[in-house]
Amino acid sequence: MRGPGHRSMASIGAVIERESWPRWHGWRATRAAACALGLVGVLVLAGCGAESGPESPPPPSGPAGAVAPAPSPNCTAKADDAASLGKALGAASSGDVICVSGDLGDTRLQITQGGSAEAPVTVRGDGKTAVNGITVEADNVVVDGFTADQPKAPGASLKGNNITLRDSTINDPQKGDNDGIRFWGDDIKILHNTVTDTQNTNGSHADCMQTFATDSDSPASHNVLIDSNRCEEIDNNCLIAEGPNSSAGDGSGDGESKNITFSNNYCDNRASQAVMVDDVQGMTVVGNDITSRINHAFAFQNNATGAVVQDNKIGGNIKFEVGMDDTSEPGYQGPRVGGAP
């Protein structure tokens, strides 16, 4: 293990955020990460030392594996077709809860009007509500309980601050790069979703999740929590995160991408690695289950400094856990590096 690096309070908050402690693996991995980092403020919440109490139960069975959304008795508006959905979204204001039901599989859920940080606009399906993908281009929005079968890629596009996507399923996204979820912004949470069957067809690089910083329309991301999701049958990466100075050479050069937490996720993919981190600082990778037949689980390159890797379950067919270049070594905490990224 290399020496500890500086951790910002924003990054610490992302790791220990209580609302997103894992439902699948229990909260022990998060507690272990907090204790290993020596976070004094966490000790009251997590309690380092002997463990007690049972593990959380496994996820429910079923094709999606997503956790059912909470009941929503306080709907401020209801929609069951494209017209009523458009009307409700156009009239939304802070604190509104728009409940959507039925099969809207020909309609993409497009949210351009959010609420406030204290009272976001919530758009809630029933777990089976079908839409043709999800687009959020607004701040302070919660999207909960939708399913998208063969939507136009990306299956979900999140752009803004304080956006939450949870308990939703995306299957076989089509066209473009065939990505499941793309995100840009600050304080984004991607929780308890399932992405399946992203395919590298027609030259695409079909990732479960991706962010990059190439221009003002695709800015750098900060303080992102990706927790307890399932990436199944993914042809490329489960997550690829590229900063504004990425080695791809197409970055904007503006700002920095930092403090992304990838925790308690299940990953079945077919790229060389499950998670690729390029020019993103303060990355935390903890408590994930990587089952793929791949060369290594996690790759850090191009000044991806300050990474923390801990308590991941690595399948027996994976050659080594961490690949890293020399520029990413400062502040790294985790298992011994096994080779190049």
Protein backbone atom coordinates (compact mmCIF):
# COMPACT_ATOMS: atom_id res chain seq x y z
CA MET A 1 0.00 0.00 0.00
CA ARG A 2 1.31 3.44 -0.86
CA GLY A 3 1.09 6.40 1.44
CA PRO A 4 -2.28 8.12 2.05
CA GLY A 5 -3.20 11.08 -0.08
CA HIS A 6 -5.28 14.14 0.76
CA ARG A 7 -9.03 13.54 0.67
CA SER A 8 -11.44 16.46 0.31
CA MET A 9 -14.54 16.66 2.48
CA ALA A 10 -16.68 16.40 -0.67
CA SER A 11 -15.03 13.10 -1.54
CA ILE A 12 -15.41 11.85 2.02
CA GLY A 13 -19.08 12.76 1.99
CA ALA A 14 -19.61 10.81 -1.21
CA VAL A 15 -18.05 7.68 0.29
CA ILE A 16 -20.11 7.67 3.49
CA GLU A 17 -23.37 9.18 2.34
CA ARG A 18 -25.93 7.36 4.41
CA GLU A 19 -28.83 7.31 1.98
CA SER A 20 -26.79 5.20 -0.42
CA TRP A 21 -25.10 2.69 1.85
CA PRO A 22 -25.25 -0.62 0.03
CA ARG A 23 -28.44 -2.64 0.06
CA TRP A 24 -26.79 -5.70 -1.49
CA HIS A 25 -23.60 -6.18 0.49
CA GLY A 26 -24.45 -4.57 3.83
CA TRP A 27 -22.66 -1.47 5.01
CA ARG A 28 -19.42 -3.13 6.10
CA ALA A 29 -17.42 -2.27 2.99
CA THR A 30 -18.24 1.42 3.33
CA ARG A 31 -17.39 1.33 7.03
CA ALA A 32 -14.11 -0.42 6.31
CA ALA A 33 -13.15 2.20 3.76
CA ALA A 34 -13.95 4.98 6.22
CA CYS A 35 -11.92 3.38 8.99
CA ALA A 36 -8.96 2.73 6.68
CA LEU A 37 -8.94 6.39 5.67
CA GLY A 38 -8.94 7.50 9.31
CA LEU A 39 -12.01 9.68 8.98
CA VAL A 40 -12.69 10.89 12.51
CA GLY A 41 -16.15 12.19 11.71
CA VAL A 42 -17.16 8.84 10.29
CA LEU A 43 -16.30 6.86 13.37
CA VAL A 44 -19.42 8.00 15.18
CA LEU A 45 -21.58 6.81 12.29
CA ALA A 46 -19.72 3.70 11.25
CA GLY A 47 -18.06 2.46 14.43
CA CYS A 48 -14.65 0.97 13.69
CA GLY A 49 -13.73 -2.27 15.42
CA ALA A 50 -15.74 -5.42 15.92
CA GLU A 51 -18.64 -5.96 13.57
CA SER A 52 -22.11 -6.78 14.78
CA GLY A 53 -25.50 -7.39 13.28
CA PRO A 54 -26.50 -9.36 10.18
CA GLU A 55 -25.63 -8.51 6.64
CA SER A 56 -28.30 -6.88 4.51
CA PRO A 57 -30.44 -9.36 2.53
CA PRO A 58 -29.59 -10.08 -1.12
CA PRO A 59 -31.37 -8.17 -3.88
CA PRO A 60 -34.76 -9.40 -4.99
CA SER A 61 -34.83 -11.95 -7.76
CA GLY A 62 -36.11 -11.09 -11.20
CA PRO A 63 -34.77 -10.05 -14.57
CA ALA A 64 -33.86 -6.52 -13.53
CA GLY A 65 -32.51 -7.10 -10.03
CA ALA A 66 -33.37 -3.50 -9.14
CA VAL A 67 -34.83 -2.51 -5.81
CA ALA A 68 -38.50 -1.58 -6.06
CA PRO A 69 -39.14 2.16 -5.69
CA ALA A 70 -40.80 3.43 -2.55
CA PRO A 71 -44.56 3.98 -2.55
CA SER A 72 -45.56 7.44 -3.68
CA PRO A 73 -48.83 8.46 -2.02
CA ASN A 74 -48.16 12.20 -2.36
CA CYS A 75 -48.27 12.69 -6.12
CA THR A 76 -48.75 16.31 -7.09
CA ALA A 77 -49.44 15.25 -10.69
CA LYS A 78 -50.09 11.97 -12.51
CA ALA A 79 -49.38 10.96 -16.10
CA ASP A 80 -50.13 7.85 -18.13
CA ASP A 81 -49.52 9.04 -21.70
CA ALA A 82 -47.19 11.38 -23.58
CA ALA A 83 -49.57 14.34 -23.48
CA SER A 84 -50.20 14.25 -19.74
CA LEU A 85 -46.52 13.64 -19.06
CA GLY A 86 -45.47 16.66 -21.12
CA LYS A 87 -48.04 18.84 -19.38
CA ALA A 88 -46.93 17.72 -15.91
CA LEU A 89 -43.23 18.22 -16.66
CA GLY A 90 -43.87 21.67 -18.14
CA ALA A 91 -45.70 22.80 -15.00
CA ALA A 92 -43.29 21.23 -12.48
CA SER A 93 -41.89 23.30 -9.64
CA SER A 94 -39.85 22.70 -6.49
CA GLY A 95 -41.03 19.75 -4.43
CA ASP A 96 -43.44 18.37 -7.02
CA VAL A 97 -43.77 14.59 -7.39
CA ILE A 98 -44.92 13.49 -10.84
CA CYS A 99 -46.12 9.88 -10.81
CA VAL A 100 -45.99 8.14 -14.19
CA SER A 101 -47.64 4.82 -15.01
CA GLY A 102 -48.31 2.63 -18.01
CA ASP A 103 -46.40 1.92 -21.19
CA LEU A 104 -44.85 5.06 -22.67
CA GLY A 105 -42.30 3.05 -24.61
CA ASP A 106 -42.51 5.35 -27.63
CA THR A 107 -41.87 8.45 -25.50
CA ARG A 108 -38.50 9.51 -24.11
CA LEU A 109 -38.66 10.99 -20.63
CA GLN A 110 -37.15 14.47 -21.11
CA ILE A 111 -36.79 16.68 -18.05
CA THR A 112 -35.62 20.27 -18.57
CA GLN A 113 -37.16 21.88 -15.49
CA GLY A 114 -35.98 21.08 -11.98
CA GLY A 115 -36.65 22.22 -8.45
CA SER A 116 -34.45 23.53 -5.67
CA ALA A 117 -31.65 21.79 -3.81
CA GLU A 118 -33.91 21.37 -0.77
CA ALA A 119 -36.99 20.38 -2.81
CA PRO A 120 -36.11 18.71 -6.11
CA VAL A 121 -38.64 17.74 -8.74
CA THR A 122 -39.25 13.99 -8.53
CA VAL A 123 -40.46 12.00 -11.55
CA ARG A 124 -41.45 8.56 -10.35
CA GLY A 125 -42.45 5.42 -12.18
CA ASP A 126 -43.75 2.26 -10.58
CA GLY A 127 -40.72 0.13 -11.45
CA LYS A 128 -42.35 -1.14 -14.64
CA THR A 129 -43.20 2.19 -16.24
CA ALA A 130 -41.79 1.94 -19.78
CA VAL A 131 -40.16 4.89 -21.55
CA ASN A 132 -37.89 5.21 -24.58
CA GLY A 133 -34.93 6.41 -22.53
CA ILE A 134 -34.30 9.22 -20.06
CA THR A 135 -32.82 12.69 -20.60
CA VAL A 136 -32.28 15.15 -17.74
CA GLU A 137 -30.96 18.62 -18.55
CA ALA A 138 -31.79 20.47 -15.35
CA ASP A 139 -30.64 20.85 -11.75
CA ASN A 140 -32.29 19.30 -8.69
CA VAL A 141 -34.12 16.35 -10.24
CA VAL A 142 -34.88 12.81 -9.01
CA VAL A 143 -35.83 10.09 -11.52
CA ASP A 144 -37.05 6.85 -9.97
CA GLY A 145 -38.55 3.56 -11.15
CA PHE A 146 -38.48 3.45 -14.97
CA THR A 147 -37.57 0.82 -17.53
CA ALA A 148 -36.24 1.43 -21.04
CA ASP A 149 -36.00 -1.45 -23.50
CA GLN A 150 -33.81 -0.74 -26.55
CA PRO A 151 -33.87 3.05 -26.09
CA LYS A 152 -31.83 5.42 -28.22
CA ALA A 153 -28.39 5.59 -26.63
CA PRO A 154 -27.45 6.68 -24.14
CA GLY A 155 -30.31 5.01 -22.34
CA ALA A 156 -30.08 7.71 -19.69
CA SER A 157 -28.34 11.07 -20.19
CA LEU A 158 -27.86 13.15 -17.02
CA LYS A 159 -26.62 16.71 -17.31
CA GLY A 160 -26.81 19.17 -14.42
CA ASN A 161 -26.29 19.43 -10.67
CA ASN A 162 -27.95 17.44 -7.89
CA ILE A 163 -29.49 14.79 -10.16
CA THR A 164 -30.44 11.33 -8.86
CA LEU A 165 -31.24 8.34 -11.07
CA ARG A 166 -32.36 5.28 -9.14
CA ASP A 167 -34.21 1.97 -9.32
CA SER A 168 -34.42 2.00 -13.12
CA THR A 169 -33.53 -0.52 -15.84
CA ILE A 170 -31.93 0.08 -19.26
CA ASN A 171 -31.71 -2.81 -21.69
CA ASP A 172 -29.84 -2.95 -25.02
CA PRO A 173 -29.43 0.78 -25.84
CA GLN A 174 -29.27 1.46 -29.57
CA LYS A 175 -27.26 3.69 -31.95
CA GLY A 176 -24.44 6.10 -31.18
CA ASP A 177 -21.98 4.36 -28.87
CA ASN A 178 -24.71 2.12 -27.40
CA ASP A 179 -23.95 3.39 -23.87
CA GLY A 180 -26.27 2.72 -20.96
CA ILE A 181 -25.80 5.88 -18.84
CA ARG A 182 -23.84 9.09 -19.45
CA PHE A 183 -23.49 11.84 -16.86
CA TRP A 184 -22.02 15.33 -16.47
CA GLY A 185 -22.20 17.73 -13.52
CA ASP A 186 -21.91 18.04 -9.75
CA ASP A 187 -23.52 15.98 -6.99
CA ILE A 188 -24.93 13.30 -9.27
CA LYS A 189 -26.16 10.03 -7.75
CA ILE A 190 -26.67 6.85 -9.78
CA LEU A 191 -28.21 4.31 -7.41
CA HIS A 192 -29.64 0.78 -7.66
CA ASN A 193 -30.07 0.74 -11.44
CA THR A 194 -29.57 -2.15 -13.86
CA VAL A 195 -27.99 -1.80 -17.32
CA THR A 196 -27.94 -4.87 -19.54
CA ASP A 197 -26.70 -5.93 -22.97
CA THR A 198 -24.65 -3.00 -24.29
CA GLN A 199 -23.18 -4.16 -27.61
CA ASN A 200 -20.09 -3.06 -29.55
CA THR A 201 -21.85 -3.00 -32.91
CA ASN A 202 -20.86 -0.90 -35.94
CA GLY A 203 -17.67 0.35 -34.32
CA SER A 204 -19.29 1.50 -31.07
CA HIS A 205 -17.71 1.27 -27.60
CA ALA A 206 -20.72 0.27 -25.55
CA ASP A 207 -20.14 1.09 -21.88
CA CYS A 208 -22.48 0.61 -18.97
CA MET A 209 -21.66 4.16 -17.73
CA GLN A 210 -19.48 6.96 -19.04
CA THR A 211 -18.47 10.57 -18.44
CA PHE A 212 -16.03 12.79 -20.31
CA ALA A 213 -15.17 16.49 -20.48
CA THR A 214 -14.78 17.56 -24.09
CA ASP A 215 -16.53 20.97 -24.28
CA SER A 216 -18.94 23.31 -22.49
CA ASP A 217 -21.80 20.97 -23.35
CA SER A 218 -19.97 18.05 -21.71
CA PRO A 219 -18.27 19.58 -18.66
CA ALA A 220 -16.09 18.01 -15.98
CA SER A 221 -17.91 16.15 -13.20
CA HIS A 222 -17.43 16.36 -9.43
CA ASN A 223 -18.75 14.61 -6.34
CA VAL A 224 -20.51 11.73 -8.09
CA LEU A 225 -21.80 8.66 -6.26
CA ILE A 226 -22.38 5.46 -8.29
CA ASP A 227 -23.63 2.86 -5.83
CA SER A 228 -25.29 -0.57 -5.90
CA ASN A 229 -25.92 -0.78 -9.64
CA ARG A 230 -25.75 -3.87 -11.87
CA CYS A 231 -23.92 -3.86 -15.21
CA GLU A 232 -24.71 -7.15 -16.99
CA GLU A 233 -23.53 -8.38 -20.41
CA ILE A 234 -21.53 -5.22 -21.11
CA ASP A 235 -19.32 -5.37 -24.20
CA ASN A 236 -17.01 -2.54 -23.10
CA ASN A 237 -16.36 -0.94 -19.66
CA CYS A 238 -18.67 -0.89 -16.68
CA LEU A 239 -17.44 2.67 -16.09
CA ILE A 240 -15.13 4.90 -18.08
CA ALA A 241 -14.41 8.30 -16.55
CA GLU A 242 -12.30 10.78 -18.52
CA GLY A 243 -11.24 14.24 -17.36
CA PRO A 244 -10.69 17.43 -19.39
CA ASN A 245 -7.08 16.46 -20.15
CA SER A 246 -7.75 12.85 -21.06
CA SER A 247 -5.26 10.82 -23.03
CA ALA A 248 -7.81 10.56 -25.85
CA GLY A 249 -6.73 14.07 -26.82
CA ASP A 250 -10.24 15.47 -27.24
CA GLY A 251 -10.68 17.01 -23.77
CA SER A 252 -11.62 20.64 -23.24
CA GLY A 253 -8.71 21.39 -20.89
CA ASP A 254 -11.14 23.30 -18.63
CA GLY A 255 -11.47 22.47 -14.94
CA GLU A 256 -10.94 19.04 -13.46
CA SER A 257 -12.95 15.89 -12.91
CA LYS A 258 -12.69 14.64 -9.33
CA ASN A 259 -14.24 12.82 -6.39
CA ILE A 260 -16.17 10.04 -8.09
CA THR A 261 -17.15 7.08 -5.90
CA PHE A 262 -17.87 3.71 -7.53
CA SER A 263 -19.12 1.43 -4.76
CA ASN A 264 -20.99 -1.84 -4.26
CA ASN A 265 -21.68 -2.36 -7.95
CA TYR A 266 -21.89 -5.67 -9.84
CA CYS A 267 -19.90 -5.77 -13.08
CA ASP A 268 -19.94 -8.33 -15.89
CA ASN A 269 -18.12 -6.87 -18.90
CA ARG A 270 -15.75 -7.73 -21.74
CA ALA A 271 -13.23 -4.87 -22.09
CA SER A 272 -9.66 -5.19 -20.80
CA GLN A 273 -10.80 -3.71 -17.47
CA ALA A 274 -14.06 -3.09 -15.65
CA VAL A 275 -13.32 0.53 -14.69
CA MET A 276 -11.10 2.92 -16.67
CA VAL A 277 -10.08 6.17 -14.95
CA ASP A 278 -8.23 8.76 -17.05
CA ASP A 279 -7.33 12.21 -15.64
CA VAL A 280 -9.85 11.96 -12.77
CA GLN A 281 -8.54 12.79 -9.28
CA GLY A 282 -9.80 11.39 -5.98
CA MET A 283 -11.49 8.28 -7.36
CA THR A 284 -12.85 5.83 -4.75
CA VAL A 285 -13.51 2.21 -5.79
CA VAL A 286 -14.83 0.11 -2.92
CA GLY A 287 -16.98 -2.96 -2.32
CA ASN A 288 -17.60 -3.90 -5.97
CA ASP A 289 -18.14 -7.40 -7.37
CA ILE A 290 -16.18 -7.85 -10.62
CA THR A 291 -16.99 -11.19 -12.26
CA SER A 292 -15.70 -10.64 -15.79
CA ARG A 293 -13.10 -12.57 -17.81
CA ILE A 294 -10.83 -9.54 -18.18
CA ASN A 295 -7.15 -8.71 -17.78
CA HIS A 296 -7.47 -6.47 -14.72
CA ALA A 297 -10.33 -4.94 -12.75
CA PHE A 298 -9.39 -1.25 -12.41
CA ALA A 299 -7.18 1.00 -14.55
CA PHE A 300 -5.79 4.41 -13.56
CA GLN A 301 -3.84 6.52 -16.03
CA ASN A 302 -2.86 10.06 -16.96
CA ASN A 303 -2.65 11.73 -13.53
CA ALA A 304 -5.56 9.83 -12.00
CA THR A 305 -4.09 10.59 -8.57
CA GLY A 306 -5.43 10.10 -5.05
CA ALA A 307 -7.31 6.88 -5.83
CA VAL A 308 -8.61 4.59 -3.08
CA VAL A 309 -9.27 0.92 -3.95
CA GLN A 310 -10.52 -1.36 -1.21
CA ASP A 311 -12.67 -4.40 -0.35
CA ASN A 312 -13.58 -5.37 -3.91
CA LYS A 313 -14.46 -8.95 -4.86
CA ILE A 314 -12.40 -9.94 -7.89
CA GLY A 315 -13.27 -13.00 -9.99
CA GLY A 316 -10.77 -15.80 -10.37
CA ASN A 317 -10.41 -15.25 -14.12
CA ILE A 318 -9.01 -11.73 -13.66
CA LYS A 319 -5.21 -11.56 -13.79
CA PHE A 320 -4.76 -8.70 -11.32
CA GLU A 321 -6.85 -6.06 -9.57
CA VAL A 322 -5.18 -2.70 -10.30
CA GLY A 323 -3.33 -1.42 -13.35
CA MET A 324 -1.71 2.00 -12.98
CA ASP A 325 0.84 4.25 -14.67
CA ASP A 326 3.53 6.24 -12.84
CA THR A 327 1.67 9.57 -13.11
CA SER A 328 -1.27 8.20 -11.12
CA GLU A 329 0.70 6.82 -8.16
CA PRO A 330 0.72 9.92 -5.88
CA GLY A 331 -1.75 9.46 -3.03
CA TYR A 332 -2.81 5.97 -4.10
CA GLN A 333 -4.22 3.68 -1.36
CA GLY A 334 -4.99 0.12 -2.30
CA PRO A 335 -3.62 -3.29 -3.25
CA ARG A 336 -0.30 -3.70 -4.97
CA VAL A 337 -0.34 -2.55 -8.58
CA GLY A 338 -0.19 -5.57 -10.86
CA GLY A 339 0.78 -3.97 -14.16
CA ALA A 340 0.03 -1.26 -16.70
CA PRO A 341 -3.45 0.29 -16.96
